[in-house]
């Protein structure tokens, strides 16, 4: 719920005119995997099995399988 206060400022203090309450419509939220699929991300096929190499580089200098 969001509240909006309408007020006027006469140089000293704000004087409230009214409060508007906005209720958000309930929306269906999808799962993380549904959201991730919608992003249409691209990357190498082996990124999940070699994530540390992609994040930090191959520290040992060897190719790992």
PDB file of N, CA and C in Angstrom:
ATOM      1  N   UNK A   1       0.843  -1.162   0.000  1.00  0.00           N
ATOM      2  CA  UNK A   1       0.000   0.000   0.000  1.00  0.00           C
ATOM      3  C   UNK A   1       0.895   1.234   0.000  1.00  0.00           C
ATOM      4  N   UNK A   2       0.492   2.222  -0.744  1.00  0.00           N
ATOM      5  CA  UNK A   2       1.245   3.453  -0.883  1.00  0.00           C
ATOM      6  C   UNK A   2       0.362   4.609  -0.454  1.00  0.00           C
ATOM      7  N   UNK A   3       0.899   5.520   0.359  1.00  0.00           N
ATOM      8  CA  UNK A   3       0.146   6.691   0.795  1.00  0.00           C
ATOM      9  C   UNK A   3       0.783   7.934   0.210  1.00  0.00           C
ATOM     10  N   UNK A   4      -0.049   8.807  -0.346  1.00  0.00           N
ATOM     11  CA  UNK A   4       0.409  10.083  -0.877  1.00  0.00           C
ATOM     12  C   UNK A   4      -0.261  11.185  -0.076  1.00  0.00           C
ATOM     13  N   UNK A   5       0.534  12.089   0.452  1.00  0.00           N
ATOM     14  CA  UNK A   5      -0.006  13.210   1.214  1.00  0.00           C
ATOM     15  C   UNK A   5       0.096  14.453   0.349  1.00  0.00           C
ATOM     16  N   UNK A   6      -1.038  15.110   0.123  1.00  0.00           N
ATOM     17  CA  UNK A   6      -1.070  16.370  -0.619  1.00  0.00           C
ATOM     18  C   UNK A   6      -1.037  17.489   0.412  1.00  0.00           C
ATOM     19  N   UNK A   7      -0.134  18.447   0.221  1.00  0.00           N
ATOM     20  CA  UNK A   7       0.005  19.522   1.197  1.00  0.00           C
ATOM     21  C   UNK A   7       0.410  20.813   0.496  1.00  0.00           C
ATOM     22  N   UNK A   8       0.193  21.910   1.188  1.00  0.00           N
ATOM     23  CA  UNK A   8       0.674  23.205   0.709  1.00  0.00           C
ATOM     24  C   UNK A   8       1.707  23.716   1.692  1.00  0.00           C
ATOM     25  N   UNK A   9       2.643  24.497   1.190  1.00  0.00           N
ATOM     26  CA  UNK A   9       3.702  25.031   2.033  1.00  0.00           C
ATOM     27  C   UNK A   9       3.622  26.548   1.961  1.00  0.00           C
ATOM     28  N   UNK A  10       3.369  27.166   3.115  1.00  0.00           N
ATOM     29  CA  UNK A  10       3.220  28.610   3.162  1.00  0.00           C
ATOM     30  C   UNK A  10       4.436  29.318   3.698  1.00  0.00           C
ATOM     31  N   UNK A  11       5.575  28.659   3.732  1.00  0.00           N
ATOM     32  CA  UNK A  11       6.793  29.297   4.195  1.00  0.00           C
ATOM     33  C   UNK A  11       7.205  28.892   5.595  1.00  0.00           C
ATOM     34  N   UNK A  12       6.303  28.315   6.363  1.00  0.00           N
ATOM     35  CA  UNK A  12       6.644  27.906   7.729  1.00  0.00           C
ATOM     36  C   UNK A  12       6.578  26.393   7.886  1.00  0.00           C
ATOM     37  N   UNK A  13       5.389  25.848   7.741  1.00  0.00           N
ATOM     38  CA  UNK A  13       5.215  24.392   7.873  1.00  0.00           C
ATOM     39  C   UNK A  13       4.277  23.911   6.768  1.00  0.00           C
ATOM     40  N   UNK A  14       4.432  22.680   6.315  1.00  0.00           N
ATOM     41  CA  UNK A  14       3.481  22.127   5.341  1.00  0.00           C
ATOM     42  C   UNK A  14       2.121  21.919   6.002  1.00  0.00           C
ATOM     43  N   UNK A  15       1.077  22.228   5.281  1.00  0.00           N
ATOM     44  CA  UNK A  15      -0.288  22.039   5.777  1.00  0.00           C
ATOM     45  C   UNK A  15      -0.964  20.967   4.914  1.00  0.00           C
ATOM     46  N   UNK A  16      -1.260  19.809   5.510  1.00  0.00           N
ATOM     47  CA  UNK A  16      -1.869  18.717   4.740  1.00  0.00           C
ATOM     48  C   UNK A  16      -3.244  19.085   4.207  1.00  0.00           C
ATOM     49  N   UNK A  17      -3.502  18.687   2.970  1.00  0.00           N
ATOM     50  CA  UNK A  17      -4.822  18.872   2.354  1.00  0.00           C
ATOM     51  C   UNK A  17      -5.594  17.567   2.350  1.00  0.00           C
ATOM     52  N   UNK A  18      -4.894  16.471   2.192  1.00  0.00           N
ATOM     53  CA  UNK A  18      -5.565  15.181   2.141  1.00  0.00           C
ATOM     54  C   UNK A  18      -4.561  14.065   1.940  1.00  0.00           C
ATOM     55  N   UNK A  19      -5.040  12.856   2.150  1.00  0.00           N
ATOM     56  CA  UNK A  19      -4.199  11.659   1.990  1.00  0.00           C
ATOM     57  C   UNK A  19      -4.856  10.757   0.965  1.00  0.00           C
ATOM     58  N   UNK A  20      -4.069  10.305   0.027  1.00  0.00           N
ATOM     59  CA  UNK A  20      -4.543   9.376  -0.995  1.00  0.00           C
ATOM     60  C   UNK A  20      -3.873   8.033  -0.754  1.00  0.00           C
ATOM     61  N   UNK A  21      -4.672   6.990  -0.629  1.00  0.00           N
ATOM     62  CA  UNK A  21      -4.148   5.640  -0.412  1.00  0.00           C
ATOM     63  C   UNK A  21      -4.290   4.863  -1.712  1.00  0.00           C
ATOM     64  N   UNK A  22      -3.183   4.335  -2.177  1.00  0.00           N
ATOM     65  CA  UNK A  22      -3.169   3.576  -3.430  1.00  0.00           C
ATOM     66  C   UNK A  22      -2.881   2.117  -3.105  1.00  0.00           C
ATOM     67  N   UNK A  23      -3.791   1.263  -3.482  1.00  0.00           N
ATOM     68  CA  UNK A  23      -3.589  -0.172  -3.276  1.00  0.00           C
ATOM     69  C   UNK A  23      -3.128  -0.773  -4.596  1.00  0.00           C
ATOM     70  N   UNK A  24      -2.075  -1.534  -4.538  1.00  0.00           N
ATOM     71  CA  UNK A  24      -1.535  -2.168  -5.739  1.00  0.00           C
ATOM     72  C   UNK A  24      -2.344  -3.419  -6.063  1.00  0.00           C
ATOM     73  N   UNK A  25      -2.558  -3.610  -7.336  1.00  0.00           N
ATOM     74  CA  UNK A  25      -3.231  -4.829  -7.775  1.00  0.00           C
ATOM     75  C   UNK A  25      -2.300  -6.013  -7.550  1.00  0.00           C
ATOM     76  N   UNK A  26      -2.856  -7.107  -7.129  1.00  0.00           N
ATOM     77  CA  UNK A  26      -2.031  -8.295  -6.907  1.00  0.00           C
ATOM     78  C   UNK A  26      -1.623  -8.869  -8.252  1.00  0.00           C
ATOM     79  N   UNK A  27      -0.344  -9.106  -8.396  1.00  0.00           N
ATOM     80  CA  UNK A  27       0.160  -9.691  -9.630  1.00  0.00           C
ATOM     81  C   UNK A  27       0.773 -11.043  -9.316  1.00  0.00           C
ATOM     82  N   UNK A  28       0.688 -11.910 -10.279  1.00  0.00           N
ATOM     83  CA  UNK A  28       1.282 -13.235 -10.115  1.00  0.00           C
ATOM     84  C   UNK A  28       2.781 -13.108 -10.327  1.00  0.00           C
ATOM     85  N   UNK A  29       3.541 -13.578  -9.370  1.00  0.00           N
ATOM     86  CA  UNK A  29       4.984 -13.571  -9.528  1.00  0.00           C
ATOM     87  C   UNK A  29       5.432 -14.963  -9.948  1.00  0.00           C
ATOM     88  N   UNK A  30       6.371 -15.001 -10.873  1.00  0.00           N
ATOM     89  CA  UNK A  30       6.876 -16.274 -11.364  1.00  0.00           C
ATOM     90  C   UNK A  30       8.048 -16.752 -10.522  1.00  0.00           C
ATOM     91  N   UNK A  31       8.471 -17.942 -10.803  1.00  0.00           N
ATOM     92  CA  UNK A  31       9.616 -18.494 -10.106  1.00  0.00           C
ATOM     93  C   UNK A  31      10.900 -17.858 -10.653  1.00  0.00           C
ATOM     94  N   UNK A  32      11.990 -18.052  -9.955  1.00  0.00           N
ATOM     95  CA  UNK A  32      13.280 -17.535 -10.402  1.00  0.00           C
ATOM     96  C   UNK A  32      13.635 -18.077 -11.780  1.00  0.00           C
ATOM     97  N   UNK A  33      13.412 -19.378 -12.003  1.00  0.00           N
ATOM     98  CA  UNK A  33      13.767 -19.975 -13.290  1.00  0.00           C
ATOM     99  C   UNK A  33      12.923 -19.416 -14.428  1.00  0.00           C
ATOM    100  N   UNK A  34      11.640 -19.145 -14.172  1.00  0.00           N
ATOM    101  CA  UNK A  34      10.809 -18.537 -15.211  1.00  0.00           C
ATOM    102  C   UNK A  34      11.322 -17.145 -15.565  1.00  0.00           C
ATOM    103  N   UNK A  35      11.697 -16.383 -14.561  1.00  0.00           N
ATOM    104  CA  UNK A  35      12.235 -15.046 -14.788  1.00  0.00           C
ATOM    105  C   UNK A  35      13.563 -15.115 -15.528  1.00  0.00           C
ATOM    106  N   UNK A  36      14.428 -16.031 -15.141  1.00  0.00           N
ATOM    107  CA  UNK A  36      15.734 -16.168 -15.787  1.00  0.00           C
ATOM    108  C   UNK A  36      15.575 -16.550 -17.259  1.00  0.00           C
ATOM    109  N   UNK A  37      14.615 -17.405 -17.572  1.00  0.00           N
ATOM    110  CA  UNK A  37      14.387 -17.784 -18.971  1.00  0.00           C
ATOM    111  C   UNK A  37      13.924 -16.590 -19.799  1.00  0.00           C
ATOM    112  N   UNK A  38      13.129 -15.718 -19.211  1.00  0.00           N
ATOM    113  CA  UNK A  38      12.646 -14.541 -19.923  1.00  0.00           C
ATOM    114  C   UNK A  38      13.770 -13.572 -20.268  1.00  0.00           C
ATOM    115  N   UNK A  39      14.868 -13.601 -19.503  1.00  0.00           N
ATOM    116  CA  UNK A  39      15.996 -12.709 -19.755  1.00  0.00           C
ATOM    117  C   UNK A  39      16.773 -13.095 -21.002  1.00  0.00           C
ATOM    118  N   UNK A  40      16.642 -14.344 -21.432  1.00  0.00           N
ATOM    119  CA  UNK A  40      17.334 -14.865 -22.617  1.00  0.00           C
ATOM    120  C   UNK A  40      18.840 -14.587 -22.552  1.00  0.00           C
ATOM    121  N   UNK A  41      19.433 -14.994 -21.437  1.00  0.00           N
ATOM    122  CA  UNK A  41      20.870 -14.807 -21.234  1.00  0.00           C
ATOM    123  C   UNK A  41      21.658 -15.751 -22.130  1.00  0.00           C
ATOM    124  N   UNK A  42      22.826 -15.301 -22.554  1.00  0.00           N
ATOM    125  CA  UNK A  42      23.695 -16.136 -23.377  1.00  0.00           C
ATOM    126  C   UNK A  42      25.044 -16.279 -22.683  1.00  0.00           C
ATOM    127  N   UNK A  43      25.665 -17.423 -22.868  1.00  0.00           N
ATOM    128  CA  UNK A  43      26.972 -17.658 -22.282  1.00  0.00           C
ATOM    129  C   UNK A  43      27.493 -19.010 -22.709  1.00  0.00           C
ATOM    130  N   UNK A  44      28.709 -19.353 -22.291  1.00  0.00           N
ATOM    131  CA  UNK A  44      29.280 -20.642 -22.665  1.00  0.00           C
ATOM    132  C   UNK A  44      28.498 -21.795 -22.030  1.00  0.00           C
ATOM    133  N   UNK A  45      28.528 -22.944 -22.709  1.00  0.00           N
ATOM    134  CA  UNK A  45      27.787 -24.104 -22.219  1.00  0.00           C
ATOM    135  C   UNK A  45      28.287 -24.624 -20.878  1.00  0.00           C
ATOM    136  N   UNK A  46      29.582 -24.431 -20.590  1.00  0.00           N
ATOM    137  CA  UNK A  46      30.148 -25.005 -19.369  1.00  0.00           C
ATOM    138  C   UNK A  46      30.272 -23.988 -18.230  1.00  0.00           C
ATOM    139  N   UNK A  47      29.543 -22.890 -18.287  1.00  0.00           N
ATOM    140  CA  UNK A  47      29.744 -21.838 -17.290  1.00  0.00           C
ATOM    141  C   UNK A  47      29.455 -22.313 -15.875  1.00  0.00           C
ATOM    142  N   UNK A  48      28.438 -23.155 -15.701  1.00  0.00           N
ATOM    143  CA  UNK A  48      28.091 -23.574 -14.342  1.00  0.00           C
ATOM    144  C   UNK A  48      29.122 -24.523 -13.746  1.00  0.00           C
ATOM    145  N   UNK A  49      29.744 -25.351 -14.567  1.00  0.00           N
ATOM    146  CA  UNK A  49      30.747 -26.276 -14.028  1.00  0.00           C
ATOM    147  C   UNK A  49      32.109 -25.613 -13.864  1.00  0.00           C
ATOM    148  N   UNK A  50      32.332 -24.459 -14.513  1.00  0.00           N
ATOM    149  CA  UNK A  50      33.601 -23.736 -14.400  1.00  0.00           C
ATOM    150  C   UNK A  50      33.396 -22.293 -13.940  1.00  0.00           C
ATOM    151  N   UNK A  51      32.397 -22.071 -13.097  1.00  0.00           N
ATOM    152  CA  UNK A  51      32.041 -20.714 -12.697  1.00  0.00           C
ATOM    153  C   UNK A  51      33.210 -19.972 -12.045  1.00  0.00           C
ATOM    154  N   UNK A  52      34.002 -20.669 -11.247  1.00  0.00           N
ATOM    155  CA  UNK A  52      35.125 -19.992 -10.575  1.00  0.00           C
ATOM    156  C   UNK A  52      36.179 -19.547 -11.574  1.00  0.00           C
ATOM    157  N   UNK A  53      36.399 -20.319 -12.644  1.00  0.00           N
ATOM    158  CA  UNK A  53      37.342 -19.908 -13.681  1.00  0.00           C
ATOM    159  C   UNK A  53      36.846 -18.649 -14.389  1.00  0.00           C
ATOM    160  N   UNK A  54      35.530 -18.585 -14.645  1.00  0.00           N
ATOM    161  CA  UNK A  54      34.977 -17.414 -15.319  1.00  0.00           C
ATOM    162  C   UNK A  54      34.968 -16.194 -14.411  1.00  0.00           C
ATOM    163  N   UNK A  55      34.746 -16.405 -13.121  1.00  0.00           N
ATOM    164  CA  UNK A  55      34.721 -15.281 -12.188  1.00  0.00           C
ATOM    165  C   UNK A  55      36.116 -14.776 -11.844  1.00  0.00           C
ATOM    166  N   UNK A  56      37.035 -15.695 -11.565  1.00  0.00           N
ATOM    167  CA  UNK A  56      38.345 -15.324 -11.033  1.00  0.00           C
ATOM    168  C   UNK A  56      39.506 -15.639 -11.955  1.00  0.00           C
ATOM    169  N   UNK A  57      39.254 -16.291 -13.070  1.00  0.00           N
ATOM    170  CA  UNK A  57      40.329 -16.722 -13.959  1.00  0.00           C
ATOM    171  C   UNK A  57      40.902 -18.029 -13.472  1.00  0.00           C
ATOM    172  N   UNK A  58      41.581 -18.724 -14.341  1.00  0.00           N
ATOM    173  CA  UNK A  58      42.174 -20.005 -13.975  1.00  0.00           C
ATOM    174  C   UNK A  58      43.463 -19.727 -13.214  1.00  0.00           C
ATOM    175  N   UNK A  59      43.414 -19.810 -11.915  1.00  0.00           N
ATOM    176  CA  UNK A  59      44.546 -19.437 -11.054  1.00  0.00           C
ATOM    177  C   UNK A  59      45.723 -20.420 -11.149  1.00  0.00           C
ATOM    178  N   UNK A  60      45.417 -21.680 -11.430  1.00  0.00           N
ATOM    179  CA  UNK A  60      46.504 -22.668 -11.468  1.00  0.00           C
ATOM    180  C   UNK A  60      47.220 -22.675 -12.815  1.00  0.00           C
ATOM    181  N   UNK A  61      46.633 -22.080 -13.825  1.00  0.00           N
ATOM    182  CA  UNK A  61      47.236 -22.096 -15.150  1.00  0.00           C
ATOM    183  C   UNK A  61      46.969 -23.368 -15.918  1.00  0.00           C
ATOM    184  N   UNK A  62      46.166 -24.261 -15.345  1.00  0.00           N
ATOM    185  CA  UNK A  62      45.835 -25.521 -16.010  1.00  0.00           C
ATOM    186  C   UNK A  62      44.398 -25.493 -16.444  1.00  0.00           C
ATOM    187  N   UNK A  63      44.105 -26.222 -17.498  1.00  0.00           N
ATOM    188  CA  UNK A  63      42.716 -26.390 -17.917  1.00  0.00           C
ATOM    189  C   UNK A  63      42.088 -27.449 -17.025  1.00  0.00           C
ATOM    190  N   UNK A  64      40.913 -27.153 -16.502  1.00  0.00           N
ATOM    191  CA  UNK A  64      40.216 -28.138 -15.667  1.00  0.00           C
ATOM    192  C   UNK A  64      39.009 -28.635 -16.418  1.00  0.00           C
ATOM    193  N   UNK A  65      38.681 -29.863 -16.220  1.00  0.00           N
ATOM    194  CA  UNK A  65      37.533 -30.481 -16.916  1.00  0.00           C
ATOM    195  C   UNK A  65      36.414 -30.666 -15.950  1.00  0.00           C
TER     196      UNK A  65
END
